Amino acid sequence: MPRLAPPPLSLEPEEREQLQQLIHRHSTPQQIALRAQIVILADAGETHREIARQLNISRQMARQWRSRWLSGAAKGLGAMARLQDSARSGAPAKFELEQVLHLFKLACDDPMDYNRPISQWSHRELAEELIEQEIVPSISPRHVGRLLAEADLKPHQSGYWLNPPPTQPSTSKLKTFVPPI
């Protein structure tokens, strides 16, 4: 039984130039550069097997990125958009950006401002205050900790280096200057 030839792929000169620039740019992620090489080799008429051998990848990967390039062209997407990963499945975010920013502001505020008899916020106290202020309907202390860690926010340290306590000169150390005669 004869093997089917892969669908032909032909690039416009501008697309080819964009792909070449992506490959040679030092800041391009390696996955994107590899996908661009697959498309350029497919444009040169190489089969999936030949592309896989040259780039040391699987035939399935060569086939996948050729078909994604062609389907992206049909949708009218740009070169960089066609080389991106497709959307992954997963649960949507539970909290909006505004709610998370409220958490960060609250974590940086003094607990005494919210009638809390503590000197530093705990994750549990932050979670309770967020619910009490009706910023979020519910949140676990563990999730509060994850959000703060993700933002690399350490509210217990912010008061020490951002806002040093004001220094006041003591009167006992003050000396009056008397000019020499």
Protein backbone atom coordinates (compact mmCIF):
# COMPACT_ATOMS: atom_id res chain seq x y z
CA MET A 1 0.00 0.00 0.00
CA PRO A 2 1.51 3.36 -0.99
CA ARG A 3 2.21 5.91 1.68
CA LEU A 4 0.34 9.16 1.59
CA ALA A 5 2.40 12.25 0.97
CA PRO A 6 2.09 14.97 3.60
CA PRO A 7 -0.05 17.96 2.67
CA PRO A 8 1.99 20.55 0.79
CA LEU A 9 3.06 23.61 2.71
CA SER A 10 4.18 26.77 0.95
CA LEU A 11 5.37 29.85 2.77
CA GLU A 12 5.13 33.43 1.66
CA PRO A 13 8.51 35.21 1.54
CA GLU A 14 7.52 37.38 4.54
CA GLU A 15 6.56 34.32 6.57
CA ARG A 16 9.82 32.57 5.70
CA GLU A 17 11.75 35.70 6.78
CA GLN A 18 9.84 35.87 10.08
CA LEU A 19 10.55 32.22 10.79
CA GLN A 20 14.25 32.64 9.98
CA GLN A 21 14.41 35.62 12.35
CA LEU A 22 12.74 33.59 15.09
CA ILE A 23 15.25 30.77 14.63
CA HIS A 24 18.29 33.08 14.78
CA ARG A 25 17.09 35.36 17.56
CA HIS A 26 18.76 34.52 20.89
CA SER A 27 15.70 35.39 22.93
CA THR A 28 13.37 32.98 21.11
CA PRO A 29 12.36 30.01 23.28
CA GLN A 30 13.83 26.75 21.97
CA GLN A 31 10.41 25.16 21.45
CA ILE A 32 9.33 28.00 19.16
CA ALA A 33 12.63 27.86 17.22
CA LEU A 34 12.25 24.10 16.73
CA ARG A 35 8.69 24.52 15.47
CA ALA A 36 9.85 27.22 13.05
CA GLN A 37 12.54 24.83 11.73
CA ILE A 38 9.89 22.14 11.22
CA VAL A 39 7.78 24.53 9.16
CA ILE A 40 10.75 25.72 7.07
CA LEU A 41 11.78 22.13 6.31
CA ALA A 42 8.18 21.28 5.42
CA ASP A 43 8.18 24.25 3.05
CA ALA A 44 11.33 22.84 1.44
CA GLY A 45 9.35 19.70 0.54
CA GLU A 46 10.74 17.38 3.23
CA THR A 47 8.56 14.51 4.46
CA HIS A 48 7.72 13.95 8.10
CA ARG A 49 10.32 11.18 8.30
CA GLU A 50 13.08 13.39 6.85
CA ILE A 51 12.20 16.30 9.14
CA ALA A 52 12.21 13.96 12.14
CA ARG A 53 15.64 12.61 11.23
CA GLN A 54 17.19 16.03 10.63
CA LEU A 55 15.86 17.59 13.83
CA ASN A 56 16.02 14.45 15.99
CA ILE A 57 12.31 14.56 16.82
CA SER A 58 9.42 12.15 16.33
CA ARG A 59 7.45 11.92 13.09
CA GLN A 60 4.33 12.67 15.07
CA MET A 61 5.78 16.03 16.15
CA ALA A 62 6.70 16.92 12.57
CA ARG A 63 3.20 15.94 11.43
CA GLN A 64 1.54 17.86 14.26
CA TRP A 65 3.32 21.17 13.59
CA ARG A 66 2.82 20.96 9.84
CA SER A 67 -0.92 20.45 10.37
CA ARG A 68 -1.10 23.20 13.02
CA TRP A 69 0.69 25.60 10.67
CA LEU A 70 -1.76 24.82 7.87
CA SER A 71 -4.84 25.09 10.13
CA GLY A 72 -3.53 28.39 11.55
CA ALA A 73 -3.09 29.75 8.03
CA ALA A 74 -6.71 28.87 7.29
CA LYS A 75 -7.75 30.86 10.38
CA GLY A 76 -5.62 33.83 9.32
CA LEU A 77 -3.27 33.71 12.33
CA GLY A 78 0.19 35.29 12.28
CA ALA A 79 3.43 33.31 12.28
CA MET A 80 4.11 33.59 16.01
CA ALA A 81 0.52 32.76 16.94
CA ARG A 82 0.66 29.58 14.84
CA LEU A 83 3.76 28.36 16.67
CA GLN A 84 2.30 28.78 20.17
CA ASP A 85 1.01 25.92 22.30
CA SER A 86 -2.70 25.34 22.16
CA ALA A 87 -4.81 26.17 25.19
CA ARG A 88 -4.62 23.61 27.94
CA SER A 89 -7.54 22.26 29.87
CA GLY A 90 -7.99 23.01 33.53
CA ALA A 91 -10.19 24.76 36.00
CA PRO A 92 -10.61 28.51 35.57
CA ALA A 93 -9.12 30.81 38.17
CA LYS A 94 -11.30 31.13 41.25
CA PHE A 95 -10.29 34.67 42.13
CA GLU A 96 -10.16 37.74 39.97
CA LEU A 97 -7.08 39.94 39.84
CA GLU A 98 -8.86 42.63 41.88
CA GLN A 99 -9.48 40.19 44.72
CA VAL A 100 -5.87 39.05 44.75
CA LEU A 101 -4.69 42.66 44.79
CA HIS A 102 -6.98 43.32 47.78
CA LEU A 103 -5.24 40.41 49.51
CA PHE A 104 -1.81 41.90 48.79
CA LYS A 105 -2.88 45.32 50.08
CA LEU A 106 -4.38 43.79 53.18
CA ALA A 107 -1.23 41.75 53.83
CA CYS A 108 0.91 44.89 53.69
CA ASP A 109 -1.37 46.88 56.01
CA ASP A 110 -1.03 46.89 59.77
CA PRO A 111 -3.43 44.38 61.42
CA MET A 112 -4.22 46.98 64.08
CA ASP A 113 -5.94 49.06 61.36
CA TYR A 114 -8.52 46.26 61.11
CA ASN A 115 -9.00 45.85 64.88
CA ARG A 116 -6.91 42.70 64.99
CA PRO A 117 -4.89 42.34 68.23
CA ILE A 118 -1.87 40.89 66.43
CA SER A 119 1.42 42.36 65.29
CA GLN A 120 1.74 40.33 62.05
CA TRP A 121 -0.80 38.76 59.72
CA SER A 122 -1.11 35.00 59.63
CA HIS A 123 -2.61 33.23 56.63
CA ARG A 124 -5.64 32.31 58.72
CA GLU A 125 -6.17 35.91 59.85
CA LEU A 126 -5.85 37.17 56.27
CA ALA A 127 -8.38 34.61 55.05
CA GLU A 128 -10.82 35.57 57.80
CA GLU A 129 -10.44 39.28 57.06
CA LEU A 130 -10.98 38.76 53.31
CA ILE A 131 -14.21 36.90 54.03
CA GLU A 132 -15.30 39.42 56.68
CA GLN A 133 -14.81 42.33 54.26
CA GLU A 134 -16.71 40.31 51.62
CA ILE A 135 -13.84 40.55 49.15
CA VAL A 136 -14.16 36.82 48.51
CA PRO A 137 -16.98 34.43 49.49
CA SER A 138 -14.50 31.84 50.81
CA ILE A 139 -10.77 31.17 50.76
CA SER A 140 -8.56 28.79 52.67
CA PRO A 141 -5.53 29.92 54.66
CA ARG A 142 -3.43 27.55 52.56
CA HIS A 143 -4.54 29.29 49.36
CA VAL A 144 -3.74 32.69 50.89
CA GLY A 145 -0.24 31.38 51.59
CA ARG A 146 0.13 30.12 48.02
CA LEU A 147 -0.95 33.46 46.56
CA LEU A 148 1.50 35.36 48.76
CA ALA A 149 4.32 32.94 47.95
CA GLU A 150 3.56 33.11 44.24
CA ALA A 151 3.92 36.89 44.36
CA ASP A 152 7.03 36.53 46.56
CA LEU A 153 5.32 38.84 49.03
CA LYS A 154 6.58 38.76 52.60
CA PRO A 155 4.45 41.24 54.50
CA HIS A 156 6.13 40.48 57.81
CA GLN A 157 9.37 41.91 56.38
CA SER A 158 7.96 44.94 54.57
CA GLY A 159 7.88 47.17 57.62
CA TYR A 160 11.52 46.64 58.36
CA TRP A 161 13.22 47.70 55.19
CA LEU A 162 10.61 49.79 53.41
CA ASN A 163 9.61 51.98 56.32
CA PRO A 164 12.37 52.30 58.90
CA PRO A 165 11.21 53.79 62.18
CA PRO A 166 11.80 57.51 62.41
CA THR A 167 14.88 58.40 64.39
CA GLN A 168 14.66 61.27 66.81
CA PRO A 169 17.78 62.81 68.25
CA SER A 170 18.01 62.49 71.99
CA THR A 171 18.58 65.68 73.91
CA SER A 172 21.32 64.22 76.10
CA LYS A 173 23.66 63.68 73.16
CA LEU A 174 23.22 67.15 71.74
CA LYS A 175 26.17 69.41 72.26
CA THR A 176 26.20 73.07 71.61
CA PHE A 177 28.82 74.29 69.27
CA VAL A 178 31.03 77.03 70.60
CA PRO A 179 33.25 78.64 67.96
CA PRO A 180 36.89 79.20 68.94
CA ILE A 181 37.90 82.80 69.76
